[in-house]
Amino acid sequence: MPLTRKAYRAAILHSIADPAEVGIEASYEYFEDGLLVVENGQISAIGHATELLATLPADIEIIHYQDALITPGLIDTHIHLPQTGMVGAYGEQLLDWLNTYTFPCESQFADKAHADEVADIFIKELLRNGTTTALVFGSVHPQSVNSFFEAAQQLDLRMIAGKVMMDRNAPDYLTDTAESSYVESKALIERWHGKGRLHYAVTPRFAPTSTPEQLTLAGQLLSEYPDLYMQTHISENLKEVEWVKELFPERKGYLDVYDHYQLLGERSVFAHGVHLCEDECARLAETGSAIAFCPTSNFFLGSGLFNLPMAEKHKLNVGLGTDVGGGTSFSLLQTLNEAYKVMQLQGARLSPFKSLYLATLGGARALRLEDKIGTLHAGTDADFLVLDYNATPLLSYRLKQANNIAETLFVLMTLGDDRTVLQTYAAGKLVHQR
């Protein structure tokens, strides 16, 4: 293959550590006039333009952006492909919302043509919002995952997804069996896991919709393929937590159900965790498991406020999730706007650099992919965005008042949305242009 090399010049910012562990100043690198050099889909250099330009060959193409910021691609650690068509559905809390809106919408994925259509819309929406990696729930139908991975593979995206396993407490038209969920998941793993930049996640929807037999087989899949992911929901809603206690009276609590079936581990991501206790946070951290913090969805469904300071105390890996369709936006910038409010309501602060961390390197660490995505270090995948300071008249005016990169970043996360994303690159290729 011929060597493809390009350079991108703009302000450049990326997280290099968790501010909760090293302090804000040591948590990021910022180049006011920066240069990002990309070769064959990977970043080969990052630094001050004045220093790097002299090292480059004379014929290299340099793309120069004015009034723009380059950041790593954003990472969404919890989102539902089949709920794209019901985002913004009115008036219910979690359990009623599932029955009223979610299950009927997911039933349409029995049709491959429908699954193809939604996968295309879903991926375009992710890229329009600057999301280059997502941990995705399919529906119970294998074709939901096939359609998604086919579309993601065409663009060489780094994506993780799995077929939902659900064999009870759901409509008959939407359940599998313990055995069929195992067989179908295994076939999808064999077809897609590790192919290009794609990874598979074993996906029991949540404890109430899986029998002990199904949870046992989910754990078995994880033991058969050591680098698989596992994704599910935990402690999102108080009624859900009570329901789990009724269904599994022999277990100490919600997390203990998953622990018993060997579903905790370094590539296990639990969505929400709004009502976790200290012991559960400690156990998640001890096993290397992660939480997907989904503030937009937690507000929209009235679920509660995630305790980020408690997670930090236990050094628990936390990523950010939009949770479409419980969440109302594909935009991780808008999700960070809501995350800031979640902290405010608890008397805590969320610095813009912690926010950047959650949406990039924090998500990468939650997924154990920090050697490949989440930063702009040399040797990582060239998944990055160009954010436009003049995306809207208000944003343009407001950023002219900003005195430093911290203020600029905070304003982008408060006023920014899909319009702010000028371009999205994945593996060095332009995959979205506003």
Protein backbone atom coordinates (compact mmCIF):
# COMPACT_ATOMS: atom_id res chain seq x y z
CA MET A 1 0.00 0.00 0.00
CA PRO A 2 1.27 3.51 -0.77
CA LEU A 3 2.07 5.61 2.28
CA THR A 4 -0.70 8.12 2.94
CA ARG A 5 0.43 10.98 5.11
CA LYS A 6 -1.38 14.22 5.97
CA ALA A 7 -1.08 16.89 8.62
CA TYR A 8 -3.82 18.88 10.33
CA ARG A 9 -3.11 22.29 11.84
CA ALA A 10 -5.36 23.92 14.47
CA ALA A 11 -5.64 24.29 18.22
CA ILE A 12 -5.31 20.72 19.57
CA LEU A 13 -6.44 19.36 22.95
CA HIS A 14 -6.49 15.86 24.43
CA SER A 15 -6.75 14.17 27.84
CA ILE A 16 -3.68 12.29 28.99
CA ALA A 17 -4.84 11.30 32.52
CA ASP A 18 -7.81 11.41 34.89
CA PRO A 19 -7.95 14.84 36.63
CA ALA A 20 -9.26 13.05 39.75
CA GLU A 21 -5.95 11.20 40.00
CA VAL A 22 -3.31 13.69 38.80
CA GLY A 23 -4.98 17.09 39.18
CA ILE A 24 -6.39 19.22 36.38
CA GLU A 25 -3.15 20.75 35.08
CA ALA A 26 -1.43 17.40 34.56
CA SER A 27 -4.48 15.79 32.95
CA TYR A 28 -4.32 17.31 29.46
CA GLU A 29 -2.07 18.52 26.66
CA TYR A 30 -3.00 21.67 24.74
CA PHE A 31 -1.31 23.14 21.67
CA GLU A 32 -2.66 26.58 20.80
CA ASP A 33 -1.16 26.26 17.31
CA GLY A 34 -0.83 22.51 17.02
CA LEU A 35 -0.10 19.97 14.33
CA LEU A 36 -1.42 16.42 14.07
CA VAL A 37 0.39 14.14 11.61
CA VAL A 38 -1.48 11.08 10.35
CA GLU A 39 0.06 8.15 8.45
CA ASN A 40 -1.87 5.13 7.19
CA GLY A 41 -4.76 5.57 9.60
CA GLN A 42 -2.64 6.20 12.69
CA ILE A 43 -1.32 9.28 14.41
CA SER A 44 2.44 9.53 13.87
CA ALA A 45 3.11 12.87 15.61
CA ILE A 46 1.46 15.58 17.67
CA GLY A 47 2.98 18.84 18.85
CA HIS A 48 3.47 22.56 18.31
CA ALA A 49 3.19 23.44 14.62
CA THR A 50 6.33 25.59 14.73
CA GLU A 51 8.40 22.63 15.97
CA LEU A 52 6.88 19.88 13.82
CA LEU A 53 6.63 21.65 10.45
CA ALA A 54 10.41 21.58 9.99
CA THR A 55 10.44 17.78 10.37
CA LEU A 56 7.90 17.09 7.61
CA PRO A 57 8.58 16.36 3.93
CA ALA A 58 8.05 19.34 1.62
CA ASP A 59 5.23 17.70 -0.35
CA ILE A 60 3.00 16.72 2.60
CA GLU A 61 -0.58 18.01 2.45
CA ILE A 62 -1.34 20.27 5.42
CA ILE A 63 -4.98 21.10 6.18
CA HIS A 64 -5.14 24.32 8.19
CA TYR A 65 -8.26 25.15 10.22
CA GLN A 66 -9.02 28.64 11.51
CA ASP A 67 -11.08 29.07 14.71
CA ALA A 68 -11.24 25.35 15.38
CA LEU A 69 -10.21 22.77 17.94
CA ILE A 70 -9.04 19.22 17.20
CA THR A 71 -9.88 16.64 19.88
CA PRO A 72 -9.93 12.83 19.97
CA GLY A 73 -13.06 11.16 18.63
CA LEU A 74 -15.76 10.88 21.29
CA ILE A 75 -16.61 7.53 22.89
CA ASP A 76 -20.18 6.56 23.78
CA THR A 77 -20.14 3.67 26.27
CA HIS A 78 -23.91 3.02 26.24
CA ILE A 79 -26.43 3.40 23.40
CA HIS A 80 -29.27 1.37 21.85
CA LEU A 81 -29.37 1.02 18.04
CA PRO A 82 -33.00 -0.21 17.85
CA GLN A 83 -34.32 2.71 19.94
CA THR A 84 -33.34 5.32 17.35
CA GLY A 85 -36.94 5.50 16.12
CA MET A 86 -38.45 6.22 19.55
CA VAL A 87 -36.01 8.75 20.97
CA GLY A 88 -37.92 11.48 22.81
CA ALA A 89 -40.92 9.27 23.76
CA TYR A 90 -43.23 10.97 26.28
CA GLY A 91 -44.19 10.43 29.83
CA GLU A 92 -42.95 7.20 31.46
CA GLN A 93 -40.34 5.97 33.91
CA LEU A 94 -38.11 3.04 33.06
CA LEU A 95 -40.27 -0.07 33.39
CA ASP A 96 -43.44 1.40 31.83
CA TRP A 97 -41.33 3.09 29.16
CA LEU A 98 -39.85 -0.28 28.12
CA ASN A 99 -43.29 -1.84 27.71
CA THR A 100 -45.00 1.18 26.11
CA TYR A 101 -42.34 2.27 23.63
CA THR A 102 -39.15 0.24 23.60
CA PHE A 103 -40.30 -3.32 23.07
CA PRO A 104 -42.71 -2.49 20.19
CA CYS A 105 -39.97 -0.43 18.49
CA GLU A 106 -37.38 -3.20 18.89
CA SER A 107 -39.77 -5.79 17.41
CA GLN A 108 -39.33 -4.17 13.96
CA PHE A 109 -35.77 -5.50 13.82
CA ALA A 110 -37.06 -8.95 12.85
CA ASP A 111 -36.95 -7.39 9.35
CA LYS A 112 -33.41 -7.16 7.88
CA ALA A 113 -34.33 -4.26 5.56
CA HIS A 114 -35.51 -2.26 8.58
CA ALA A 115 -32.34 -3.16 10.49
CA ASP A 116 -30.19 -2.01 7.53
CA GLU A 117 -32.04 1.29 7.26
CA VAL A 118 -31.75 2.10 10.97
CA ALA A 119 -28.09 1.03 11.13
CA ASP A 120 -27.32 3.54 8.36
CA ILE A 121 -29.22 6.38 10.10
CA PHE A 122 -27.69 5.46 13.48
CA ILE A 123 -24.07 5.46 12.27
CA LYS A 124 -24.51 8.73 10.35
CA GLU A 125 -25.96 10.27 13.51
CA LEU A 126 -23.03 9.06 15.64
CA LEU A 127 -20.49 10.49 13.20
CA ARG A 128 -22.38 13.77 12.80
CA ASN A 129 -22.05 14.17 16.55
CA GLY A 130 -18.35 13.29 16.61
CA THR A 131 -18.76 9.83 18.16
CA THR A 132 -16.17 7.50 16.61
CA THR A 133 -16.57 4.53 18.98
CA ALA A 134 -19.72 3.27 20.68
CA LEU A 135 -20.73 0.30 22.83
CA VAL A 136 -24.04 -0.62 21.24
CA PHE A 137 -27.04 -2.72 22.24
CA GLY A 138 -28.72 -4.45 19.32
CA SER A 139 -32.18 -5.97 19.60
CA VAL A 140 -32.86 -9.63 20.37
CA HIS A 141 -32.58 -10.32 16.61
CA PRO A 142 -29.12 -11.27 15.27
CA GLN A 143 -29.78 -9.22 12.11
CA SER A 144 -29.72 -6.00 14.18
CA VAL A 145 -26.05 -6.71 14.94
CA ASN A 146 -25.23 -7.95 11.44
CA SER A 147 -26.68 -4.78 9.91
CA PHE A 148 -24.78 -2.56 12.34
CA PHE A 149 -21.43 -4.29 11.89
CA GLU A 150 -21.81 -4.38 8.08
CA ALA A 151 -22.30 -0.60 8.04
CA ALA A 152 -19.49 0.04 10.56
CA GLN A 153 -17.07 -2.20 8.68
CA GLN A 154 -17.55 -0.27 5.42
CA LEU A 155 -16.22 2.85 7.18
CA ASP A 156 -13.53 1.01 9.18
CA LEU A 157 -14.99 2.22 12.49
CA ARG A 158 -13.97 0.91 15.90
CA MET A 159 -17.31 -0.29 17.25
CA ILE A 160 -18.54 -2.79 19.84
CA ALA A 161 -22.01 -4.35 19.77
CA GLY A 162 -24.04 -7.37 20.78
CA LYS A 163 -27.39 -9.05 20.36
CA VAL A 164 -29.67 -8.61 23.37
CA MET A 165 -30.25 -11.79 25.41
CA MET A 166 -33.77 -11.74 26.91
CA ASP A 167 -35.74 -14.88 27.73
CA ARG A 168 -38.37 -13.71 30.24
CA ASN A 169 -40.41 -10.72 31.47
CA ALA A 170 -40.77 -9.31 27.96
CA PRO A 171 -43.37 -9.79 25.19
CA ASP A 172 -43.37 -13.23 23.51
CA TYR A 173 -42.58 -11.60 20.16
CA LEU A 174 -39.29 -10.30 21.60
CA THR A 175 -37.85 -13.13 23.68
CA ASP A 176 -35.24 -15.71 22.83
CA THR A 177 -34.36 -18.76 24.95
CA ALA A 178 -31.27 -19.41 27.04
CA GLU A 179 -30.06 -21.89 24.42
CA SER A 180 -30.92 -19.83 21.30
CA SER A 181 -29.31 -16.70 22.79
CA TYR A 182 -26.11 -18.67 23.37
CA VAL A 183 -26.08 -20.19 19.87
CA GLU A 184 -26.93 -16.92 18.10
CA SER A 185 -24.42 -14.90 20.13
CA LYS A 186 -21.72 -17.48 19.42
CA ALA A 187 -22.39 -17.28 15.66
CA LEU A 188 -22.13 -13.47 15.79
CA ILE A 189 -18.89 -13.68 17.79
CA GLU A 190 -17.38 -16.07 15.25
CA ARG A 191 -18.42 -13.81 12.38
CA TRP A 192 -17.52 -10.37 13.75
CA HIS A 193 -15.36 -10.32 16.87
CA GLY A 194 -11.88 -8.99 16.07
CA LYS A 195 -12.73 -8.44 12.40
CA GLY A 196 -11.11 -5.14 11.40
CA ARG A 197 -11.85 -2.73 14.25
CA LEU A 198 -15.01 -4.52 15.43
CA HIS A 199 -15.56 -6.21 18.79
CA TYR A 200 -18.44 -8.25 20.22
CA ALA A 201 -20.22 -7.68 23.54
CA VAL A 202 -22.24 -10.37 25.31
CA THR A 203 -25.47 -8.46 26.03
CA PRO A 204 -28.00 -9.69 28.61
CA ARG A 205 -30.48 -6.79 28.64
CA PHE A 206 -30.71 -6.64 32.45
CA ALA A 207 -31.15 -9.16 35.24
CA PRO A 208 -35.00 -9.10 35.24
CA THR A 209 -35.25 -10.21 31.60
CA SER A 210 -32.83 -13.15 31.84
CA THR A 211 -33.37 -16.48 33.59
CA PRO A 212 -30.55 -17.93 35.71
CA GLU A 213 -29.96 -20.37 32.81
CA GLN A 214 -29.43 -17.52 30.36
CA LEU A 215 -27.12 -15.61 32.70
CA THR A 216 -25.11 -18.81 33.20
CA LEU A 217 -24.64 -19.15 29.43
CA ALA A 218 -23.68 -15.46 29.13
CA GLY A 219 -20.91 -16.13 31.64
CA GLN A 220 -19.93 -19.24 29.69
CA LEU A 221 -19.50 -17.21 26.48
CA LEU A 222 -17.17 -14.82 28.32
CA SER A 223 -15.05 -17.73 29.52
CA GLU A 224 -14.89 -19.27 26.03
CA TYR A 225 -13.66 -16.07 24.35
CA PRO A 226 -11.31 -14.24 26.72
CA ASP A 227 -11.33 -10.78 25.09
CA LEU A 228 -15.09 -10.37 24.65
CA TYR A 229 -17.00 -7.46 26.13
CA MET A 230 -20.05 -7.72 28.39
CA GLN A 231 -22.68 -4.98 28.62
CA THR A 232 -25.87 -4.72 30.64
CA HIS A 233 -27.83 -2.35 32.88
CA ILE A 234 -27.63 -1.91 36.65
CA SER A 235 -29.37 0.11 39.37
CA GLU A 236 -30.95 2.63 37.03
CA ASN A 237 -34.35 2.99 38.68
CA LEU A 238 -35.52 2.29 42.25
CA LYS A 239 -38.47 0.09 41.15
CA GLU A 240 -36.08 -1.91 38.96
CA VAL A 241 -33.74 -2.45 41.94
CA GLU A 242 -36.68 -3.73 44.03
CA TRP A 243 -37.79 -6.02 41.20
CA VAL A 244 -34.33 -7.60 41.01
CA LYS A 245 -34.50 -8.32 44.77
CA GLU A 246 -37.84 -10.10 44.27
CA LEU A 247 -36.56 -12.14 41.31
CA PHE A 248 -33.24 -13.10 42.92
CA PRO A 249 -33.96 -13.24 46.70
CA GLU A 250 -30.95 -15.51 47.25
CA ARG A 251 -28.48 -12.80 46.11
CA LYS A 252 -27.09 -9.96 48.28
CA GLY A 253 -28.17 -7.30 45.79
CA TYR A 254 -28.33 -6.27 42.14
CA LEU A 255 -24.59 -6.39 41.42
CA ASP A 256 -24.28 -9.71 43.22
CA VAL A 257 -26.61 -11.27 40.63
CA TYR A 258 -24.15 -10.45 37.86
CA ASP A 259 -21.18 -11.33 40.06
CA HIS A 260 -22.65 -14.77 40.79
CA TYR A 261 -22.92 -15.54 37.06
CA GLN A 262 -19.32 -14.40 36.39
CA LEU A 263 -20.27 -11.31 34.41
CA LEU A 264 -17.89 -8.86 36.10
CA GLY A 265 -14.49 -8.24 34.56
CA GLU A 266 -12.11 -5.93 32.76
CA ARG A 267 -14.32 -5.59 29.69
CA SER A 268 -17.66 -5.47 31.49
CA VAL A 269 -19.59 -2.20 31.27
CA PHE A 270 -22.66 -1.60 33.42
CA ALA A 271 -24.96 1.20 32.31
CA HIS A 272 -26.26 3.79 34.80
CA GLY A 273 -25.33 2.68 38.35
CA VAL A 274 -27.41 5.54 39.75
CA HIS A 275 -28.39 3.64 42.90
CA LEU A 276 -25.19 1.70 43.62
CA CYS A 277 -23.92 1.51 47.20
CA GLU A 278 -20.30 1.89 48.37
CA ASP A 279 -19.71 -1.87 48.52
CA GLU A 280 -20.95 -2.33 44.96
CA CYS A 281 -18.67 0.47 43.70
CA ALA A 282 -15.74 -1.16 45.48
CA ARG A 283 -16.55 -4.56 43.94
CA LEU A 284 -16.87 -3.11 40.44
CA ALA A 285 -13.49 -1.42 40.83
CA GLU A 286 -11.89 -4.55 42.25
CA THR A 287 -12.95 -6.61 39.21
CA GLY A 288 -11.91 -3.92 36.71
CA SER A 289 -15.52 -3.42 35.59
CA ALA A 290 -16.76 -0.03 34.40
CA ILE A 291 -19.86 2.16 34.65
CA ALA A 292 -21.44 4.09 31.76
CA PHE A 293 -22.69 7.42 33.18
CA CYS A 294 -25.85 8.43 31.24
CA PRO A 295 -26.99 11.80 32.62
CA THR A 296 -29.39 12.79 29.81
CA SER A 297 -31.30 9.54 30.12
CA ASN A 298 -31.27 9.59 33.93
CA PHE A 299 -32.92 13.04 33.85
CA PHE A 300 -35.37 12.16 31.07
CA LEU A 301 -36.64 8.95 32.71
CA GLY A 302 -36.53 10.45 36.22
CA SER A 303 -34.07 7.79 37.38
CA GLY A 304 -31.84 9.86 39.67
CA LEU A 305 -28.35 11.35 39.91
CA PHE A 306 -25.16 9.34 39.40
CA ASN A 307 -22.64 9.77 42.22
CA LEU A 308 -19.42 10.43 40.30
CA PRO A 309 -17.41 11.47 43.40
CA MET A 310 -18.17 8.07 44.98
CA ALA A 311 -16.99 6.30 41.82
CA GLU A 312 -13.81 8.40 41.85
CA LYS A 313 -13.17 7.53 45.48
CA HIS A 314 -13.14 3.84 44.55
CA LYS A 315 -11.06 4.49 41.38
CA LEU A 316 -13.86 2.95 39.33
CA ASN A 317 -13.59 3.31 35.55
CA VAL A 318 -16.38 5.55 34.26
CA GLY A 319 -17.29 6.32 30.66
CA LEU A 320 -20.06 8.50 29.27
CA GLY A 321 -23.21 7.19 27.58
CA THR A 322 -25.96 8.94 25.63
CA ASP A 323 -28.33 5.99 26.16
CA VAL A 324 -30.42 6.85 23.11
CA GLY A 325 -33.44 6.31 23.20
CA GLY A 326 -33.80 6.90 26.99
CA GLY A 327 -31.33 9.70 26.36
CA THR A 328 -32.62 12.39 24.01
CA SER A 329 -29.47 13.27 22.05
CA PHE A 330 -26.71 11.48 20.17
CA SER A 331 -24.46 14.40 21.12
CA LEU A 332 -21.87 13.69 23.82
CA LEU A 333 -21.38 17.47 24.07
CA GLN A 334 -25.04 17.79 25.07
CA THR A 335 -24.63 14.80 27.38
CA LEU A 336 -21.76 16.62 29.14
CA ASN A 337 -24.00 19.67 29.48
CA GLU A 338 -26.37 17.44 31.50
CA ALA A 339 -23.52 15.75 33.41
CA TYR A 340 -22.43 19.16 34.71
CA LYS A 341 -25.97 19.73 36.08
CA VAL A 342 -26.02 16.28 37.72
CA MET A 343 -22.92 17.30 39.69
CA GLN A 344 -24.32 20.75 40.50
CA LEU A 345 -27.45 19.18 42.00
CA GLN A 346 -25.20 17.14 44.31
CA GLY A 347 -23.08 20.13 45.36
CA ALA A 348 -20.10 18.89 43.32
CA ARG A 349 -18.23 20.40 40.40
CA LEU A 350 -17.44 18.88 37.03
CA SER A 351 -14.44 20.60 35.46
CA PRO A 352 -14.37 20.83 31.65
CA PHE A 353 -11.18 18.75 31.68
CA LYS A 354 -12.88 15.95 33.64
CA SER A 355 -15.71 16.17 31.11
CA LEU A 356 -13.24 15.85 28.23
CA TYR A 357 -11.70 12.87 30.02
CA LEU A 358 -15.07 11.13 30.46
CA ALA A 359 -15.95 11.55 26.77
CA THR A 360 -12.55 10.40 25.46
CA LEU A 361 -9.80 8.74 27.50
CA GLY A 362 -12.17 7.73 30.33
CA GLY A 363 -14.39 5.92 27.84
CA ALA A 364 -11.34 4.30 26.25
CA ARG A 365 -10.14 3.07 29.65
CA ALA A 366 -13.61 1.74 30.47
CA LEU A 367 -13.35 -0.27 27.23
CA ARG A 368 -9.66 -1.20 27.74
CA LEU A 369 -8.82 0.50 24.44
CA GLU A 370 -6.69 3.39 25.71
CA ASP A 371 -3.72 2.13 23.66
CA LYS A 372 -5.81 2.61 20.49
CA ILE A 373 -8.34 5.42 21.04
CA GLY A 374 -9.22 8.21 23.47
CA THR A 375 -6.03 10.30 23.06
CA LEU A 376 -4.03 11.77 20.20
CA HIS A 377 -0.76 10.09 21.18
CA ALA A 378 1.51 8.86 18.37
CA GLY A 379 0.72 5.22 17.58
CA THR A 380 -3.01 5.45 18.28
CA ASP A 381 -5.82 5.22 15.71
CA ALA A 382 -6.42 8.51 13.89
CA ASP A 383 -9.98 8.93 15.21
CA PHE A 384 -10.43 12.65 15.77
CA LEU A 385 -12.78 15.62 15.34
CA VAL A 386 -12.61 19.19 14.26
CA LEU A 387 -14.85 21.43 16.39
CA ASP A 388 -15.89 24.74 14.82
CA TYR A 389 -15.75 27.82 17.09
CA ASN A 390 -18.15 29.62 14.70
CA ALA A 391 -20.72 26.83 14.40
CA THR A 392 -23.58 29.08 15.56
CA PRO A 393 -23.79 32.87 15.98
CA LEU A 394 -24.16 32.57 19.76
CA LEU A 395 -21.23 30.14 20.08
CA SER A 396 -19.05 32.39 17.94
CA TYR A 397 -19.89 35.47 20.02
CA ARG A 398 -19.54 33.68 23.35
CA LEU A 399 -16.15 32.13 22.50
CA LYS A 400 -14.76 35.56 21.66
CA GLN A 401 -15.21 36.35 25.38
CA ALA A 402 -13.35 33.21 26.49
CA ASN A 403 -9.98 33.91 28.12
CA ASN A 404 -8.41 30.43 28.12
CA ILE A 405 -8.83 26.87 26.90
CA ALA A 406 -10.73 25.83 30.04
CA GLU A 407 -13.43 28.42 29.36
CA THR A 408 -13.47 27.64 25.64
CA LEU A 409 -13.89 23.93 26.37
CA PHE A 410 -16.68 24.52 28.87
CA VAL A 411 -18.60 26.74 26.46
CA LEU A 412 -18.25 24.11 23.69
CA MET A 413 -19.74 21.53 26.07
CA THR A 414 -22.54 23.82 27.20
CA LEU A 415 -23.61 25.43 23.93
CA GLY A 416 -22.24 22.82 21.52
CA ASP A 417 -24.11 20.06 19.68
CA ASP A 418 -23.92 18.27 16.32
CA ARG A 419 -23.56 21.64 14.53
CA THR A 420 -20.26 22.20 16.35
CA VAL A 421 -18.69 19.14 14.71
CA LEU A 422 -17.18 20.37 11.45
CA GLN A 423 -15.49 17.09 10.52
CA THR A 424 -15.14 13.59 11.94
CA TYR A 425 -12.20 11.33 11.03
CA ALA A 426 -11.99 7.58 11.66
CA ALA A 427 -8.73 5.70 11.02
CA GLY A 428 -7.51 8.81 9.21
CA LYS A 429 -10.44 8.93 6.79
CA LEU A 430 -12.99 11.74 6.66
CA VAL A 431 -16.29 10.06 7.61
CA HIS A 432 -18.39 13.16 8.29
CA GLN A 433 -18.29 16.67 6.86
CA ARG A 434 -20.85 19.18 8.12
